[in-house]
C-alpha atoms as a PDB file:
ATOM      1  CA  MET A   1      -8.300   9.232 -13.095  1.00  0.00           C
ATOM      2  CA  SER A   2     -10.049   9.555 -16.414  1.00  0.00           C
ATOM      3  CA  GLY A   3      -8.577   6.737 -18.467  1.00  0.00           C
ATOM      4  CA  THR A   4     -10.365   4.023 -20.382  1.00  0.00           C
ATOM      5  CA  ALA A   5      -9.126   0.986 -18.396  1.00  0.00           C
ATOM      6  CA  LYS A   6     -11.715  -0.762 -16.223  1.00  0.00           C
ATOM      7  CA  ALA A   7     -11.070  -0.596 -12.461  1.00  0.00           C
ATOM      8  CA  THR A   8     -12.891  -3.069 -10.201  1.00  0.00           C
ATOM      9  CA  VAL A   9     -12.419  -2.474  -6.457  1.00  0.00           C
ATOM     10  CA  PHE A  10     -12.598  -5.753  -4.532  1.00  0.00           C
ATOM     11  CA  ILE A  11     -11.608  -4.485  -1.064  1.00  0.00           C
ATOM     12  CA  ASP A  12     -11.676  -0.954   0.366  1.00  0.00           C
ATOM     13  CA  ASN A  13     -11.348  -0.715   4.121  1.00  0.00           C
ATOM     14  CA  ASP A  14      -9.350   1.292   6.666  1.00  0.00           C
ATOM     15  CA  ARG A  15      -6.114  -0.650   5.918  1.00  0.00           C
ATOM     16  CA  VAL A  16      -6.033  -1.525   2.207  1.00  0.00           C
ATOM     17  CA  ILE A  17      -7.587  -0.984  -1.235  1.00  0.00           C
ATOM     18  CA  VAL A  18      -7.419  -3.908  -3.688  1.00  0.00           C
ATOM     19  CA  THR A  19      -8.289  -3.060  -7.294  1.00  0.00           C
ATOM     20  CA  GLU A  20      -8.194  -5.087 -10.487  1.00  0.00           C
ATOM     21  CA  TRP A  21      -7.181  -3.009 -13.518  1.00  0.00           C
ATOM     22  CA  ARG A  22      -8.208  -4.492 -16.872  1.00  0.00           C
ATOM     23  CA  PHE A  23      -7.117  -2.881 -20.173  1.00  0.00           C
ATOM     24  CA  GLN A  24      -7.719  -3.527 -23.830  1.00  0.00           C
ATOM     25  CA  LYS A  25      -4.787  -2.710 -26.124  1.00  0.00           C
ATOM     26  CA  GLY A  26      -3.973   1.012 -25.885  1.00  0.00           C
ATOM     27  CA  GLU A  27      -6.300   1.729 -22.941  1.00  0.00           C
ATOM     28  CA  SER A  28      -4.953   3.650 -19.958  1.00  0.00           C
ATOM     29  CA  THR A  29      -5.548   4.408 -16.289  1.00  0.00           C
ATOM     30  CA  GLY A  30      -5.417   8.136 -16.924  1.00  0.00           C
ATOM     31  CA  TRP A  31      -2.903  10.475 -15.253  1.00  0.00           C
ATOM     32  CA  HIS A  32      -2.921  10.008 -11.461  1.00  0.00           C
ATOM     33  CA  ARG A  33      -0.894  10.366  -8.262  1.00  0.00           C
ATOM     34  CA  HIS A  34      -0.678   7.519  -5.763  1.00  0.00           C
ATOM     35  CA  GLY A  35      -1.723   8.602  -2.275  1.00  0.00           C
ATOM     36  CA  HIS A  36      -0.412   5.411  -0.646  1.00  0.00           C
ATOM     37  CA  ASP A  37       2.417   2.904  -0.958  1.00  0.00           C
ATOM     38  CA  TYR A  38       1.274   0.173  -3.332  1.00  0.00           C
ATOM     39  CA  ILE A  39       2.039  -3.245  -4.771  1.00  0.00           C
ATOM     40  CA  VAL A  40       1.174  -4.389  -8.299  1.00  0.00           C
ATOM     41  CA  VAL A  41       0.696  -8.091  -9.083  1.00  0.00           C
ATOM     42  CA  PRO A  42       0.567  -8.780 -12.843  1.00  0.00           C
ATOM     43  CA  MET A  43      -2.109 -11.316 -13.784  1.00  0.00           C
ATOM     44  CA  MET A  44      -0.405 -12.188 -17.083  1.00  0.00           C
ATOM     45  CA  ASP A  45       2.792 -11.637 -19.026  1.00  0.00           C
ATOM     46  CA  GLY A  46       2.845  -8.461 -21.096  1.00  0.00           C
ATOM     47  CA  ALA A  47       4.071  -4.884 -21.216  1.00  0.00           C
ATOM     48  CA  LEU A  48       2.870  -1.539 -19.922  1.00  0.00           C
ATOM     49  CA  LYS A  49       3.876   1.904 -21.172  1.00  0.00           C
ATOM     50  CA  ILE A  50       4.498   4.140 -18.156  1.00  0.00           C
ATOM     51  CA  VAL A  51       4.282   7.879 -18.873  1.00  0.00           C
ATOM     52  CA  ASN A  52       5.543  10.330 -16.244  1.00  0.00           C
ATOM     53  CA  LYS A  53       6.948  13.862 -16.068  1.00  0.00           C
ATOM     54  CA  ASP A  54      10.339  12.578 -17.264  1.00  0.00           C
ATOM     55  CA  GLY A  55       9.021  10.796 -20.367  1.00  0.00           C
ATOM     56  CA  GLU A  56       7.905   7.249 -21.014  1.00  0.00           C
ATOM     57  CA  VAL A  57       9.237   3.730 -20.653  1.00  0.00           C
ATOM     58  CA  ILE A  58       8.007   0.274 -21.624  1.00  0.00           C
ATOM     59  CA  ALA A  59       7.878  -1.938 -18.523  1.00  0.00           C
ATOM     60  CA  PRO A  60       7.798  -5.711 -19.114  1.00  0.00           C
ATOM     61  CA  MET A  61       5.397  -7.526 -16.768  1.00  0.00           C
ATOM     62  CA  THR A  62       5.673 -11.144 -15.654  1.00  0.00           C
ATOM     63  CA  ARG A  63       2.569 -12.961 -14.411  1.00  0.00           C
ATOM     64  CA  GLY A  64       2.604 -13.352 -10.636  1.00  0.00           C
ATOM     65  CA  ILE A  65       5.817 -11.359 -10.025  1.00  0.00           C
ATOM     66  CA  PRO A  66       4.858  -8.351  -7.843  1.00  0.00           C
ATOM     67  CA  TYR A  67       6.575  -4.991  -7.548  1.00  0.00           C
ATOM     68  CA  PHE A  68       6.353  -2.207  -4.933  1.00  0.00           C
ATOM     69  CA  ARG A  69       6.215   1.587  -5.301  1.00  0.00           C
ATOM     70  CA  GLN A  70       6.148   4.320  -2.667  1.00  0.00           C
ATOM     71  CA  VAL A  71       3.490   6.970  -2.161  1.00  0.00           C
ATOM     72  CA  GLY A  72       3.642   9.949  -4.522  1.00  0.00           C
ATOM     73  CA  VAL A  73       4.211   8.236  -7.876  1.00  0.00           C
ATOM     74  CA  GLU A  74       2.558  10.282 -10.660  1.00  0.00           C
ATOM     75  CA  HIS A  75       1.963   8.660 -14.029  1.00  0.00           C
ATOM     76  CA  ASP A  76      -0.360   7.271 -16.673  1.00  0.00           C
ATOM     77  CA  VAL A  77      -0.265   3.516 -17.334  1.00  0.00           C
ATOM     78  CA  ILE A  78      -1.092   2.279 -20.857  1.00  0.00           C
ATOM     79  CA  ASN A  79      -1.507  -1.304 -22.077  1.00  0.00           C
ATOM     80  CA  ALA A  80       1.361  -1.890 -24.531  1.00  0.00           C
ATOM     81  CA  THR A  81       0.473  -5.583 -24.968  1.00  0.00           C
ATOM     82  CA  ASP A  82      -1.100  -6.856 -28.215  1.00  0.00           C
ATOM     83  CA  GLY A  83      -4.277  -7.987 -26.412  1.00  0.00           C
ATOM     84  CA  GLU A  84      -6.044  -7.545 -23.094  1.00  0.00           C
ATOM     85  CA  TYR A  85      -3.917  -6.979 -19.992  1.00  0.00           C
ATOM     86  CA  ALA A  86      -4.746  -7.002 -16.270  1.00  0.00           C
ATOM     87  CA  PHE A  87      -3.084  -6.541 -12.899  1.00  0.00           C
ATOM     88  CA  ILE A  88      -4.084  -6.343  -9.249  1.00  0.00           C
ATOM     89  CA  GLU A  89      -3.099  -3.179  -7.361  1.00  0.00           C
ATOM     90  CA  ILE A  90      -2.879  -3.308  -3.564  1.00  0.00           C
ATOM     91  CA  GLU A  91      -2.741   0.118  -1.897  1.00  0.00           C
ATOM     92  CA  LEU A  92      -1.534   0.138   1.707  1.00  0.00           C
ATOM     93  CA  LYS A  93      -3.255   2.769   3.836  1.00  0.00           C
END
């Protein structure tokens, strides 16, 4: 990943990786492929622009409401909120 969002890894062991992603407006994770199933827990209300091979979509985020994705997702995630945005990503090994 070569985006501008700040990734802080809190846990990385043989079972799980827990990372906080923090973005200023317009910052991104950079294009990447998920090597594990994962759960995202939004830390605030907002919106993310998800760019993948099929195009892009604006995904509304609700603080504390998690969502799950399976291994293999390829995308770039961009903060589409007017200010800072953050979420916790939990990768299941």
